[in-house]
PDB file of N, CA and C in Angstrom:
ATOM      1  N   ALA A   1      25.555 -59.598  54.406  1.00  0.00           N
ATOM      2  CA  ALA A   1      26.607 -59.063  53.547  1.00  0.00           C
ATOM      3  C   ALA A   1      26.230 -59.233  52.081  1.00  0.00           C
ATOM      4  N   VAL A   2      25.642 -60.356  51.781  1.00  0.00           N
ATOM      5  CA  VAL A   2      25.209 -60.595  50.404  1.00  0.00           C
ATOM      6  C   VAL A   2      24.120 -59.585  50.026  1.00  0.00           C
ATOM      7  N   ARG A   3      23.264 -59.372  50.992  1.00  0.00           N
ATOM      8  CA  ARG A   3      22.166 -58.419  50.768  1.00  0.00           C
ATOM      9  C   ARG A   3      22.732 -57.014  50.551  1.00  0.00           C
ATOM     10  N   GLU A   4      23.760 -56.639  51.325  1.00  0.00           N
ATOM     11  CA  GLU A   4      24.373 -55.327  51.161  1.00  0.00           C
ATOM     12  C   GLU A   4      25.033 -55.202  49.798  1.00  0.00           C
ATOM     13  N   GLY A   5      25.692 -56.251  49.341  1.00  0.00           N
ATOM     14  CA  GLY A   5      26.350 -56.254  48.030  1.00  0.00           C
ATOM     15  C   GLY A   5      25.335 -56.087  46.918  1.00  0.00           C
ATOM     16  N   GLN A   6      24.226 -56.760  47.063  1.00  0.00           N
ATOM     17  CA  GLN A   6      23.162 -56.666  46.062  1.00  0.00           C
ATOM     18  C   GLN A   6      22.569 -55.257  46.059  1.00  0.00           C
ATOM     19  N   LEU A   7      22.367 -54.689  47.238  1.00  0.00           N
ATOM     20  CA  LEU A   7      21.841 -53.324  47.323  1.00  0.00           C
ATOM     21  C   LEU A   7      22.827 -52.323  46.716  1.00  0.00           C
ATOM     22  N   LEU A   8      24.119 -52.532  46.964  1.00  0.00           N
ATOM     23  CA  LEU A   8      25.137 -51.656  46.376  1.00  0.00           C
ATOM     24  C   LEU A   8      25.092 -51.727  44.853  1.00  0.00           C
ATOM     25  N   LYS A   9      25.008 -52.945  44.313  1.00  0.00           N
ATOM     26  CA  LYS A   9      24.936 -53.116  42.858  1.00  0.00           C
ATOM     27  C   LYS A   9      23.683 -52.429  42.301  1.00  0.00           C
ATOM     28  N   GLU A  10      22.571 -52.612  42.958  1.00  0.00           N
ATOM     29  CA  GLU A  10      21.311 -51.985  42.518  1.00  0.00           C
ATOM     30  C   GLU A  10      21.430 -50.465  42.575  1.00  0.00           C
ATOM     31  N   ASN A  11      22.083 -49.970  43.621  1.00  0.00           N
ATOM     32  CA  ASN A  11      22.269 -48.534  43.781  1.00  0.00           C
ATOM     33  C   ASN A  11      23.160 -47.969  42.667  1.00  0.00           C
ATOM     34  N   GLU A  12      24.262 -48.710  42.360  1.00  0.00           N
ATOM     35  CA  GLU A  12      25.154 -48.277  41.285  1.00  0.00           C
ATOM     36  C   GLU A  12      24.425 -48.281  39.938  1.00  0.00           C
ATOM     37  N   GLN A  13      23.631 -49.302  39.709  1.00  0.00           N
ATOM     38  CA  GLN A  13      22.859 -49.394  38.462  1.00  0.00           C
ATOM     39  C   GLN A  13      21.853 -48.248  38.387  1.00  0.00           C
ATOM     40  N   ALA A  14      21.202 -47.968  39.504  1.00  0.00           N
ATOM     41  CA  ALA A  14      20.230 -46.877  39.533  1.00  0.00           C
ATOM     42  C   ALA A  14      20.917 -45.548  39.229  1.00  0.00           C
ATOM     43  N   GLU A  15      22.140 -45.342  39.782  1.00  0.00           N
ATOM     44  CA  GLU A  15      22.890 -44.113  39.508  1.00  0.00           C
ATOM     45  C   GLU A  15      23.258 -44.016  38.033  1.00  0.00           C
ATOM     46  N   LYS A  16      23.701 -45.162  37.439  1.00  0.00           N
ATOM     47  CA  LYS A  16      24.035 -45.172  36.013  1.00  0.00           C
ATOM     48  C   LYS A  16      22.798 -44.827  35.171  1.00  0.00           C
ATOM     49  N   ASP A  17      21.680 -45.490  35.496  1.00  0.00           N
ATOM     50  CA  ASP A  17      20.428 -45.220  34.780  1.00  0.00           C
ATOM     51  C   ASP A  17      20.040 -43.750  34.905  1.00  0.00           C
ATOM     52  N   HIS A  18      20.215 -43.224  36.114  1.00  0.00           N
ATOM     53  CA  HIS A  18      19.868 -41.825  36.375  1.00  0.00           C
ATOM     54  C   HIS A  18      20.759 -40.896  35.541  1.00  0.00           C
ATOM     55  N   LYS A  19      22.065 -41.195  35.471  1.00  0.00           N
ATOM     56  CA  LYS A  19      22.995 -40.385  34.669  1.00  0.00           C
ATOM     57  C   LYS A  19      22.596 -40.422  33.191  1.00  0.00           C
ATOM     58  N   ILE A  20      22.275 -41.639  32.725  1.00  0.00           N
ATOM     59  CA  ILE A  20      21.860 -41.784  31.320  1.00  0.00           C
ATOM     60  C   ILE A  20      20.601 -40.963  31.061  1.00  0.00           C
ATOM     61  N   GLN A  21      19.664 -41.042  31.994  1.00  0.00           N
ATOM     62  CA  GLN A  21      18.419 -40.298  31.876  1.00  0.00           C
ATOM     63  C   GLN A  21      18.706 -38.793  31.838  1.00  0.00           C
ATOM     64  N   ILE A  22      19.593 -38.323  32.718  1.00  0.00           N
ATOM     65  CA  ILE A  22      19.946 -36.901  32.762  1.00  0.00           C
ATOM     66  C   ILE A  22      20.605 -36.482  31.445  1.00  0.00           C
ATOM     67  N   GLU A  23      21.507 -37.314  30.906  1.00  0.00           N
ATOM     68  CA  GLU A  23      22.168 -37.004  29.637  1.00  0.00           C
ATOM     69  C   GLU A  23      21.160 -36.921  28.498  1.00  0.00           C
ATOM     70  N   GLU A  24      20.207 -37.857  28.468  1.00  0.00           N
ATOM     71  CA  GLU A  24      19.171 -37.830  27.436  1.00  0.00           C
ATOM     72  C   GLU A  24      18.312 -36.572  27.550  1.00  0.00           C
ATOM     73  N   MET A  25      17.958 -36.211  28.764  1.00  0.00           N
ATOM     74  CA  MET A  25      17.156 -34.996  28.974  1.00  0.00           C
ATOM     75  C   MET A  25      17.942 -33.757  28.538  1.00  0.00           C
ATOM     76  N   ALA A  26      19.256 -33.723  28.845  1.00  0.00           N
ATOM     77  CA  ALA A  26      20.099 -32.595  28.441  1.00  0.00           C
ATOM     78  C   ALA A  26      20.192 -32.521  26.919  1.00  0.00           C
ATOM     79  N   LYS A  27      20.328 -33.694  26.282  1.00  0.00           N
ATOM     80  CA  LYS A  27      20.399 -33.749  24.817  1.00  0.00           C
ATOM     81  C   LYS A  27      19.100 -33.213  24.210  1.00  0.00           C
ATOM     82  N   GLU A  28      17.962 -33.642  24.765  1.00  0.00           N
ATOM     83  CA  GLU A  28      16.658 -33.170  24.282  1.00  0.00           C
ATOM     84  C   GLU A  28      16.525 -31.657  24.486  1.00  0.00           C
ATOM     85  N   ALA A  29      16.998 -31.155  25.631  1.00  0.00           N
ATOM     86  CA  ALA A  29      16.927 -29.724  25.916  1.00  0.00           C
ATOM     87  C   ALA A  29      17.780 -28.946  24.915  1.00  0.00           C
ATOM     88  N   ARG A  30      18.996 -29.459  24.628  1.00  0.00           N
ATOM     89  CA  ARG A  30      19.858 -28.791  23.647  1.00  0.00           C
ATOM     90  C   ARG A  30      19.211 -28.791  22.268  1.00  0.00           C
ATOM     91  N   SER A  31      18.586 -29.907  21.931  1.00  0.00           N
ATOM     92  CA  SER A  31      17.906 -30.017  20.645  1.00  0.00           C
ATOM     93  C   SER A  31      16.758 -29.013  20.557  1.00  0.00           C
ATOM     94  N   ARG A  32      15.986 -28.914  21.644  1.00  0.00           N
ATOM     95  CA  ARG A  32      14.884 -27.926  21.680  1.00  0.00           C
ATOM     96  C   ARG A  32      15.430 -26.510  21.573  1.00  0.00           C
ATOM     97  N   ASP A  33      16.519 -26.241  22.308  1.00  0.00           N
ATOM     98  CA  ASP A  33      17.123 -24.900  22.250  1.00  0.00           C
ATOM     99  C   ASP A  33      17.578 -24.567  20.836  1.00  0.00           C
ATOM    100  N   ALA A  34      18.192 -25.555  20.181  1.00  0.00           N
ATOM    101  CA  ALA A  34      18.666 -25.342  18.808  1.00  0.00           C
ATOM    102  C   ALA A  34      17.467 -25.048  17.890  1.00  0.00           C
ATOM    103  N   LYS A  35      16.394 -25.834  18.055  1.00  0.00           N
ATOM    104  CA  LYS A  35      15.191 -25.610  17.246  1.00  0.00           C
ATOM    105  C   LYS A  35      14.585 -24.243  17.541  1.00  0.00           C
ATOM    106  N   ASP A  36      14.557 -23.874  18.822  1.00  0.00           N
ATOM    107  CA  ASP A  36      14.021 -22.561  19.198  1.00  0.00           C
ATOM    108  C   ASP A  36      14.849 -21.435  18.583  1.00  0.00           C
ATOM    109  N   SER A  37      16.182 -21.581  18.645  1.00  0.00           N
ATOM    110  CA  SER A  37      17.066 -20.563  18.057  1.00  0.00           C
ATOM    111  C   SER A  37      16.844 -20.472  16.554  1.00  0.00           C
ATOM    112  N   GLU A  38      16.715 -21.645  15.925  1.00  0.00           N
ATOM    113  CA  GLU A  38      16.464 -21.695  14.486  1.00  0.00           C
ATOM    114  C   GLU A  38      15.139 -20.992  14.157  1.00  0.00           C
ATOM    115  N   GLN A  39      14.123 -21.279  14.960  1.00  0.00           N
ATOM    116  CA  GLN A  39      12.815 -20.671  14.744  1.00  0.00           C
ATOM    117  C   GLN A  39      12.880 -19.157  14.966  1.00  0.00           C
ATOM    118  N   GLN A  40      13.638 -18.738  15.984  1.00  0.00           N
ATOM    119  CA  GLN A  40      13.785 -17.303  16.235  1.00  0.00           C
ATOM    120  C   GLN A  40      14.452 -16.612  15.052  1.00  0.00           C
ATOM    121  N   GLU A  41      15.472 -17.232  14.497  1.00  0.00           N
ATOM    122  CA  GLU A  41      16.153 -16.656  13.328  1.00  0.00           C
ATOM    123  C   GLU A  41      15.198 -16.582  12.140  1.00  0.00           C
ATOM    124  N   LYS A  42      14.423 -17.655  11.953  1.00  0.00           N
ATOM    125  CA  LYS A  42      13.438 -17.665  10.865  1.00  0.00           C
ATOM    126  C   LYS A  42      12.408 -16.561  11.093  1.00  0.00           C
ATOM    127  N   ASN A  43      11.957 -16.416  12.333  1.00  0.00           N
ATOM    128  CA  ASN A  43      10.984 -15.372  12.649  1.00  0.00           C
ATOM    129  C   ASN A  43      11.558 -13.981  12.381  1.00  0.00           C
ATOM    130  N   LYS A  44      12.824 -13.778  12.763  1.00  0.00           N
ATOM    131  CA  LYS A  44      13.468 -12.476  12.511  1.00  0.00           C
ATOM    132  C   LYS A  44      13.507 -12.192  11.019  1.00  0.00           C
ATOM    133  N   HIS A  45      13.862 -13.221  10.252  1.00  0.00           N
ATOM    134  CA  HIS A  45      13.914 -13.070   8.795  1.00  0.00           C
ATOM    135  C   HIS A  45      12.522 -12.737   8.246  1.00  0.00           C
ATOM    136  N   ASP A  46      11.525 -13.481   8.708  1.00  0.00           N
ATOM    137  CA  ASP A  46      10.149 -13.248   8.260  1.00  0.00           C
ATOM    138  C   ASP A  46       9.696 -11.833   8.586  1.00  0.00           C
ATOM    139  N   VAL A  47      10.056 -11.356   9.774  1.00  0.00           N
ATOM    140  CA  VAL A  47       9.678  -9.995  10.177  1.00  0.00           C
ATOM    141  C   VAL A  47      10.322  -8.977   9.235  1.00  0.00           C
ATOM    142  N   LYS A  48      11.603  -9.198   8.893  1.00  0.00           N
ATOM    143  CA  LYS A  48      12.281  -8.286   7.958  1.00  0.00           C
ATOM    144  C   LYS A  48      11.590  -8.279   6.606  1.00  0.00           C
ATOM    145  N   VAL A  49      11.251  -9.479   6.122  1.00  0.00           N
ATOM    146  CA  VAL A  49      10.583  -9.588   4.822  1.00  0.00           C
ATOM    147  C   VAL A  49       9.226  -8.886   4.868  1.00  0.00           C
ATOM    148  N   LEU A  50       8.466  -9.130   5.935  1.00  0.00           N
ATOM    149  CA  LEU A  50       7.148  -8.494   6.062  1.00  0.00           C
ATOM    150  C   LEU A  50       7.261  -6.978   6.177  1.00  0.00           C
ATOM    151  N   ASN A  51       8.246  -6.512   6.921  1.00  0.00           N
ATOM    152  CA  ASN A  51       8.441  -5.061   7.036  1.00  0.00           C
ATOM    153  C   ASN A  51       8.781  -4.442   5.685  1.00  0.00           C
ATOM    154  N   ALA A  52       9.646  -5.114   4.924  1.00  0.00           N
ATOM    155  CA  ALA A  52      10.012  -4.615   3.594  1.00  0.00           C
ATOM    156  C   ALA A  52       8.781  -4.593   2.684  1.00  0.00           C
ATOM    157  N   ALA A  53       7.992  -5.655   2.729  1.00  0.00           N
ATOM    158  CA  ALA A  53       6.778  -5.715   1.909  1.00  0.00           C
ATOM    159  C   ALA A  53       5.792  -4.631   2.333  1.00  0.00           C
ATOM    160  N   ASN A  54       5.680  -4.416   3.640  1.00  0.00           N
ATOM    161  CA  ASN A  54       4.788  -3.389   4.162  1.00  0.00           C
ATOM    162  C   ASN A  54       5.231  -2.007   3.681  1.00  0.00           C
ATOM    163  N   GLU A  55       6.531  -1.777   3.688  1.00  0.00           N
ATOM    164  CA  GLU A  55       7.055  -0.487   3.235  1.00  0.00           C
ATOM    165  C   GLU A  55       6.774  -0.286   1.748  1.00  0.00           C
ATOM    166  N   GLN A  56       6.955  -1.356   0.956  1.00  0.00           N
ATOM    167  CA  GLN A  56       6.656  -1.265  -0.473  1.00  0.00           C
ATOM    168  C   GLN A  56       5.178  -0.960  -0.699  1.00  0.00           C
ATOM    169  N   LEU A  57       4.321  -1.633   0.065  1.00  0.00           N
ATOM    170  CA  LEU A  57       2.883  -1.373  -0.053  1.00  0.00           C
ATOM    171  C   LEU A  57       2.559   0.069   0.304  1.00  0.00           C
ATOM    172  N   HIS A  58       3.215   0.575   1.340  1.00  0.00           N
ATOM    173  CA  HIS A  58       2.990   1.959   1.756  1.00  0.00           C
ATOM    174  C   HIS A  58       3.387   2.916   0.625  1.00  0.00           C
ATOM    175  N   HIS A  59       4.555   2.654  -0.010  1.00  0.00           N
ATOM    176  CA  HIS A  59       4.996   3.504  -1.118  1.00  0.00           C
ATOM    177  C   HIS A  59       4.018   3.429  -2.289  1.00  0.00           C
ATOM    178  N   LEU A  60       3.558   2.203  -2.589  1.00  0.00           N
ATOM    179  CA  LEU A  60       2.595   2.043  -3.683  1.00  0.00           C
ATOM    180  C   LEU A  60       1.293   2.775  -3.382  1.00  0.00           C
ATOM    181  N   LEU A  61       0.829   2.627  -2.146  1.00  0.00           N
ATOM    182  CA  LEU A  61      -0.410   3.295  -1.756  1.00  0.00           C
ATOM    183  C   LEU A  61      -0.252   4.804  -1.859  1.00  0.00           C
ATOM    184  N   THR A  62       0.876   5.308  -1.396  1.00  0.00           N
ATOM    185  CA  THR A  62       1.141   6.743  -1.485  1.00  0.00           C
ATOM    186  C   THR A  62       1.167   7.186  -2.946  1.00  0.00           C
ATOM    187  N   ALA A  63       1.822   6.391  -3.792  1.00  0.00           N
ATOM    188  CA  ALA A  63       1.891   6.725  -5.217  1.00  0.00           C
ATOM    189  C   ALA A  63       0.493   6.731  -5.839  1.00  0.00           C
ATOM    190  N   VAL A  64      -0.314   5.745  -5.491  1.00  0.00           N
ATOM    191  CA  VAL A  64      -1.684   5.669  -6.024  1.00  0.00           C
ATOM    192  C   VAL A  64      -2.501   6.869  -5.545  1.00  0.00           C
ATOM    193  N   GLN A  65      -2.348   7.204  -4.266  1.00  0.00           N
ATOM    194  CA  GLN A  65      -3.085   8.353  -3.739  1.00  0.00           C
ATOM    195  C   GLN A  65      -2.657   9.641  -4.436  1.00  0.00           C
ATOM    196  N   LEU A  66      -1.358   9.799  -4.661  1.00  0.00           N
ATOM    197  CA  LEU A  66      -0.870  10.986  -5.373  1.00  0.00           C
ATOM    198  C   LEU A  66      -1.424  11.026  -6.791  1.00  0.00           C
ATOM    199  N   GLN A  67      -1.430   9.861  -7.440  1.00  0.00           N
ATOM    200  CA  GLN A  67      -1.964   9.799  -8.797  1.00  0.00           C
ATOM    201  C   GLN A  67      -3.449  10.187  -8.816  1.00  0.00           C
ATOM    202  N   GLN A  68      -4.195   9.687  -7.823  1.00  0.00           N
ATOM    203  CA  GLN A  68      -5.616  10.041  -7.747  1.00  0.00           C
ATOM    204  C   GLN A  68      -5.787  11.535  -7.544  1.00  0.00           C
ATOM    205  N   LEU A  69      -4.964  12.110  -6.671  1.00  0.00           N
ATOM    206  CA  LEU A  69      -5.040  13.555  -6.444  1.00  0.00           C
ATOM    207  C   LEU A  69      -4.720  14.321  -7.717  1.00  0.00           C
ATOM    208  N   GLN A  70      -3.694  13.866  -8.448  1.00  0.00           N
ATOM    209  CA  GLN A  70      -3.347  14.524  -9.707  1.00  0.00           C
ATOM    210  C   GLN A  70      -4.495  14.429 -10.703  1.00  0.00           C
ATOM    211  N   GLN A  71      -5.107  13.256 -10.772  1.00  0.00           N
ATOM    212  CA  GLN A  71      -6.231  13.083 -11.698  1.00  0.00           C
ATOM    213  C   GLN A  71      -7.403  13.981 -11.302  1.00  0.00           C
ATOM    214  N   GLN A  72      -7.642  14.074  -9.996  1.00  0.00           N
ATOM    215  CA  GLN A  72      -8.712  14.958  -9.533  1.00  0.00           C
ATOM    216  C   GLN A  72      -8.400  16.406  -9.892  1.00  0.00           C
ATOM    217  N   ALA A  73      -7.131  16.798  -9.690  1.00  0.00           N
ATOM    218  CA  ALA A  73      -6.731  18.166 -10.011  1.00  0.00           C
ATOM    219  C   ALA A  73      -6.854  18.413 -11.512  1.00  0.00           C
ATOM    220  N   GLU A  74      -6.423  17.432 -12.314  1.00  0.00           N
ATOM    221  CA  GLU A  74      -6.548  17.573 -13.770  1.00  0.00           C
ATOM    222  C   GLU A  74      -8.018  17.645 -14.166  1.00  0.00           C
ATOM    223  N   GLY A  75      -8.828  16.825 -13.504  1.00  0.00           N
ATOM    224  CA  GLY A  75     -10.272  16.847 -13.787  1.00  0.00           C
ATOM    225  C   GLY A  75     -10.861  18.208 -13.454  1.00  0.00           C
ATOM    226  N   ALA A  76     -10.441  18.771 -12.313  1.00  0.00           N
ATOM    227  CA  ALA A  76     -10.932  20.092 -11.918  1.00  0.00           C
ATOM    228  C   ALA A  76     -10.470  21.131 -12.928  1.00  0.00           C
ATOM    229  N   THR A  77      -9.221  21.022 -13.362  1.00  0.00           N
ATOM    230  CA  THR A  77      -8.686  21.968 -14.347  1.00  0.00           C
ATOM    231  C   THR A  77      -9.461  21.853 -15.653  1.00  0.00           C
ATOM    232  N   LEU A  78      -9.740  20.611 -16.060  1.00  0.00           N
ATOM    233  CA  LEU A  78     -10.503  20.425 -17.302  1.00  0.00           C
ATOM    234  C   LEU A  78     -11.910  21.002 -17.167  1.00  0.00           C
ATOM    235  N   LYS A  79     -12.515  20.807 -15.992  1.00  0.00           N
ATOM    236  CA  LYS A  79     -13.852  21.368 -15.777  1.00  0.00           C
ATOM    237  C   LYS A  79     -13.810  22.886 -15.851  1.00  0.00           C
ATOM    238  N   GLU A  80     -12.750  23.482 -15.248  1.00  0.00           N
ATOM    239  CA  GLU A  80     -12.617  24.938 -15.299  1.00  0.00           C
ATOM    240  C   GLU A  80     -12.428  25.399 -16.740  1.00  0.00           C
ATOM    241  N   LYS A  81     -11.596  24.690 -17.500  1.00  0.00           N
ATOM    242  CA  LYS A  81     -11.371  25.045 -18.905  1.00  0.00           C
ATOM    243  C   LYS A  81     -12.674  24.924 -19.691  1.00  0.00           C
ATOM    244  N   LEU A  82     -13.428  23.865 -19.410  1.00  0.00           N
ATOM    245  CA  LEU A  82     -14.691  23.654 -20.097  1.00  0.00           C
ATOM    246  C   LEU A  82     -15.671  24.785 -19.773  1.00  0.00           C
ATOM    247  N   LYS A  83     -15.747  25.137 -18.482  1.00  0.00           N
ATOM    248  CA  LYS A  83     -16.645  26.240 -18.093  1.00  0.00           C
ATOM    249  C   LYS A  83     -16.234  27.537 -18.783  1.00  0.00           C
ATOM    250  N   PHE A  84     -14.920  27.800 -18.797  1.00  0.00           N
ATOM    251  CA  PHE A  84     -14.434  29.014 -19.450  1.00  0.00           C
ATOM    252  C   PHE A  84     -14.781  28.980 -20.931  1.00  0.00           C
ATOM    253  N   SER A  85     -14.543  27.825 -21.563  1.00  0.00           N
ATOM    254  CA  SER A  85     -14.849  27.700 -22.987  1.00  0.00           C
ATOM    255  C   SER A  85     -16.342  27.901 -23.239  1.00  0.00           C
ATOM    256  N   GLU A  86     -17.168  27.298 -22.383  1.00  0.00           N
ATOM    257  CA  GLU A  86     -18.618  27.451 -22.559  1.00  0.00           C
ATOM    258  C   GLU A  86     -19.042  28.909 -22.385  1.00  0.00           C
ATOM    259  N   SER A  87     -18.462  29.574 -21.382  1.00  0.00           N
ATOM    260  CA  SER A  87     -18.852  30.972 -21.182  1.00  0.00           C
ATOM    261  C   SER A  87     -18.326  31.842 -22.325  1.00  0.00           C
ATOM    262  N   ARG A  88     -17.143  31.499 -22.845  1.00  0.00           N
ATOM    263  CA  ARG A  88     -16.586  32.262 -23.979  1.00  0.00           C
ATOM    264  C   ARG A  88     -17.446  32.046 -25.216  1.00  0.00           C
ATOM    265  N   ILE A  89     -17.896  30.797 -25.426  1.00  0.00           N
ATOM    266  CA  ILE A  89     -18.778  30.505 -26.566  1.00  0.00           C
ATOM    267  C   ILE A  89     -20.077  31.281 -26.423  1.00  0.00           C
ATOM    268  N   ALA A  90     -20.637  31.249 -25.210  1.00  0.00           N
ATOM    269  CA  ALA A  90     -21.886  31.993 -24.987  1.00  0.00           C
ATOM    270  C   ALA A  90     -21.669  33.479 -25.234  1.00  0.00           C
ATOM    271  N   GLN A  91     -20.525  33.977 -24.776  1.00  0.00           N
ATOM    272  CA  GLN A  91     -20.210  35.403 -24.971  1.00  0.00           C
ATOM    273  C   GLN A  91     -20.095  35.719 -26.468  1.00  0.00           C
ATOM    274  N   LEU A  92     -19.388  34.850 -27.192  1.00  0.00           N
ATOM    275  CA  LEU A  92     -19.220  35.071 -28.634  1.00  0.00           C
ATOM    276  C   LEU A  92     -20.553  34.945 -29.363  1.00  0.00           C
ATOM    277  N   GLU A  93     -21.368  33.955 -28.930  1.00  0.00           N
ATOM    278  CA  GLU A  93     -22.697  33.813 -29.541  1.00  0.00           C
ATOM    279  C   GLU A  93     -23.527  35.057 -29.271  1.00  0.00           C
ATOM    280  N   GLY A  94     -23.411  35.574 -28.039  1.00  0.00           N
ATOM    281  CA  GLY A  94     -24.138  36.799 -27.689  1.00  0.00           C
ATOM    282  C   GLY A  94     -23.685  37.966 -28.557  1.00  0.00           C
ATOM    283  N   GLU A  95     -22.379  38.114 -28.702  1.00  0.00           N
ATOM    284  CA  GLU A  95     -21.843  39.196 -29.547  1.00  0.00           C
ATOM    285  C   GLU A  95     -22.289  39.012 -30.983  1.00  0.00           C
ATOM    286  N   SER A  96     -22.276  37.753 -31.419  1.00  0.00           N
ATOM    287  CA  SER A  96     -22.653  37.448 -32.787  1.00  0.00           C
ATOM    288  C   SER A  96     -24.136  37.772 -33.020  1.00  0.00           C
ATOM    289  N   SER A  97     -24.992  37.409 -32.036  1.00  0.00           N
ATOM    290  CA  SER A  97     -26.426  37.694 -32.232  1.00  0.00           C
ATOM    291  C   SER A  97     -26.690  39.198 -32.142  1.00  0.00           C
ATOM    292  N   VAL A  98     -25.926  39.889 -31.294  1.00  0.00           N
ATOM    293  CA  VAL A  98     -26.074  41.352 -31.223  1.00  0.00           C
ATOM    294  C   VAL A  98     -25.655  41.972 -32.548  1.00  0.00           C
ATOM    295  N   LYS A  99     -24.545  41.445 -33.115  1.00  0.00           N
ATOM    296  CA  LYS A  99     -24.064  41.966 -34.401  1.00  0.00           C
ATOM    297  C   LYS A  99     -25.072  41.641 -35.489  1.00  0.00           C
ATOM    298  N   ALA A 100     -25.623  40.430 -35.435  1.00  0.00           N
ATOM    299  CA  ALA A 100     -26.612  40.046 -36.449  1.00  0.00           C
ATOM    300  C   ALA A 100     -27.847  40.936 -36.344  1.00  0.00           C
ATOM    301  N   ALA A 101     -28.257  41.213 -35.097  1.00  0.00           N
ATOM    302  CA  ALA A 101     -29.418  42.090 -34.914  1.00  0.00           C
ATOM    303  C   ALA A 101     -29.093  43.488 -35.418  1.00  0.00           C
ATOM    304  N   ALA A 102     -27.877  43.946 -35.141  1.00  0.00           N
ATOM    305  CA  ALA A 102     -27.473  45.275 -35.603  1.00  0.00           C
ATOM    306  C   ALA A 102     -27.410  45.300 -37.121  1.00  0.00           C
ATOM    307  N   ASP A 103     -26.885  44.217 -37.693  1.00  0.00           N
ATOM    308  CA  ASP A 103     -26.819  44.150 -39.163  1.00  0.00           C
ATOM    309  C   ASP A 103     -28.212  44.137 -39.763  1.00  0.00           C
ATOM    310  N   THR A 104     -29.107  43.391 -39.108  1.00  0.00           N
ATOM    311  CA  THR A 104     -30.483  43.317 -39.594  1.00  0.00           C
ATOM    312  C   THR A 104     -31.139  44.699 -39.510  1.00  0.00           C
ATOM    313  N   ALA A 105     -30.882  45.377 -38.408  1.00  0.00           N
ATOM    314  CA  ALA A 105     -31.465  46.711 -38.240  1.00  0.00           C
ATOM    315  C   ALA A 105     -30.837  47.698 -39.219  1.00  0.00           C
ATOM    316  N   ALA A 106     -29.572  47.509 -39.521  1.00  0.00           N
ATOM    317  CA  ALA A 106     -28.873  48.438 -40.409  1.00  0.00           C
ATOM    318  C   ALA A 106     -29.120  48.112 -41.879  1.00  0.00           C
ATOM    319  N   ALA A 107     -29.609  46.937 -42.170  1.00  0.00           N
ATOM    320  CA  ALA A 107     -29.791  46.527 -43.574  1.00  0.00           C
ATOM    321  C   ALA A 107     -30.695  47.461 -44.342  1.00  0.00           C
ATOM    322  N   PRO A 108     -31.857  47.894 -43.823  1.00  0.00           N
ATOM    323  CA  PRO A 108     -32.692  48.823 -44.607  1.00  0.00           C
ATOM    324  C   PRO A 108     -31.968  50.148 -44.874  1.00  0.00           C
ATOM    325  N   LYS A 109     -31.201  50.608 -43.884  1.00  0.00           N
ATOM    326  CA  LYS A 109     -30.470  51.865 -44.081  1.00  0.00           C
ATOM    327  C   LYS A 109     -29.445  51.715 -45.192  1.00  0.00           C
ATOM    328  N   GLN A 110     -28.716  50.592 -45.149  1.00  0.00           N
ATOM    329  CA  GLN A 110     -27.686  50.364 -46.164  1.00  0.00           C
ATOM    330  C   GLN A 110     -28.317  50.245 -47.537  1.00  0.00           C
ATOM    331  N   LYS A 111     -29.458  49.570 -47.575  1.00  0.00           N
ATOM    332  CA  LYS A 111     -30.160  49.387 -48.849  1.00  0.00           C
ATOM    333  C   LYS A 111     -30.615  50.736 -49.388  1.00  0.00           C
ATOM    334  N   ALA A 112     -31.099  51.544 -48.480  1.00  0.00           N
ATOM    335  CA  ALA A 112     -31.572  52.880 -48.852  1.00  0.00           C
ATOM    336  C   ALA A 112     -30.402  53.734 -49.323  1.00  0.00           C
ATOM    337  N   GLN A 113     -29.270  53.575 -48.627  1.00  0.00           N
ATOM    338  CA  GLN A 113     -28.102  54.380 -49.009  1.00  0.00           C
ATOM    339  C   GLN A 113     -27.602  53.951 -50.396  1.00  0.00           C
ATOM    340  N   ARG A 114     -27.653  52.656 -50.658  1.00  0.00           N
ATOM    341  CA  ARG A 114     -27.173  52.156 -51.954  1.00  0.00           C
ATOM    342  C   ARG A 114     -28.114  52.629 -53.078  1.00  0.00           C
ATOM    343  N   GLN A 115     -29.401  52.670 -52.745  1.00  0.00           N
ATOM    344  CA  GLN A 115     -30.371  53.057 -53.766  1.00  0.00           C
ATOM    345  C   GLN A 115     -30.354  54.572 -53.954  1.00  0.00           C
ATOM    346  N   GLY A 116     -30.033  55.281 -52.875  1.00  0.00           N
ATOM    347  CA  GLY A 116     -30.129  56.731 -52.915  1.00  0.00           C
ATOM    348  C   GLY A 116     -29.001  57.354 -53.584  1.00  0.00           C
TER     349      GLY A 116
END
């Protein structure tokens, strides 16, 4: 009977210890869950921030690309204007040299007419 009483006490103590152990494990699990939830919220926030930054970078890149295209187009336009100007200068120089040659050829006639 004494042995049974001692076994009962040991059994009750073991059950108490087991309950305490289960409560501690549950507390740790709740703590982990809370940390996991906190981390998930932080991750969601980080994803939003990264997406916003990515979108801004995309807009900046698009703006830079558009600017480069505009500069290329302006450069092409300037090259076309330069070519036109060069050809116009050559044309005017050609007309001028033709006129000078004509004037040179006409000079003896004019001189003769003035003297005559």
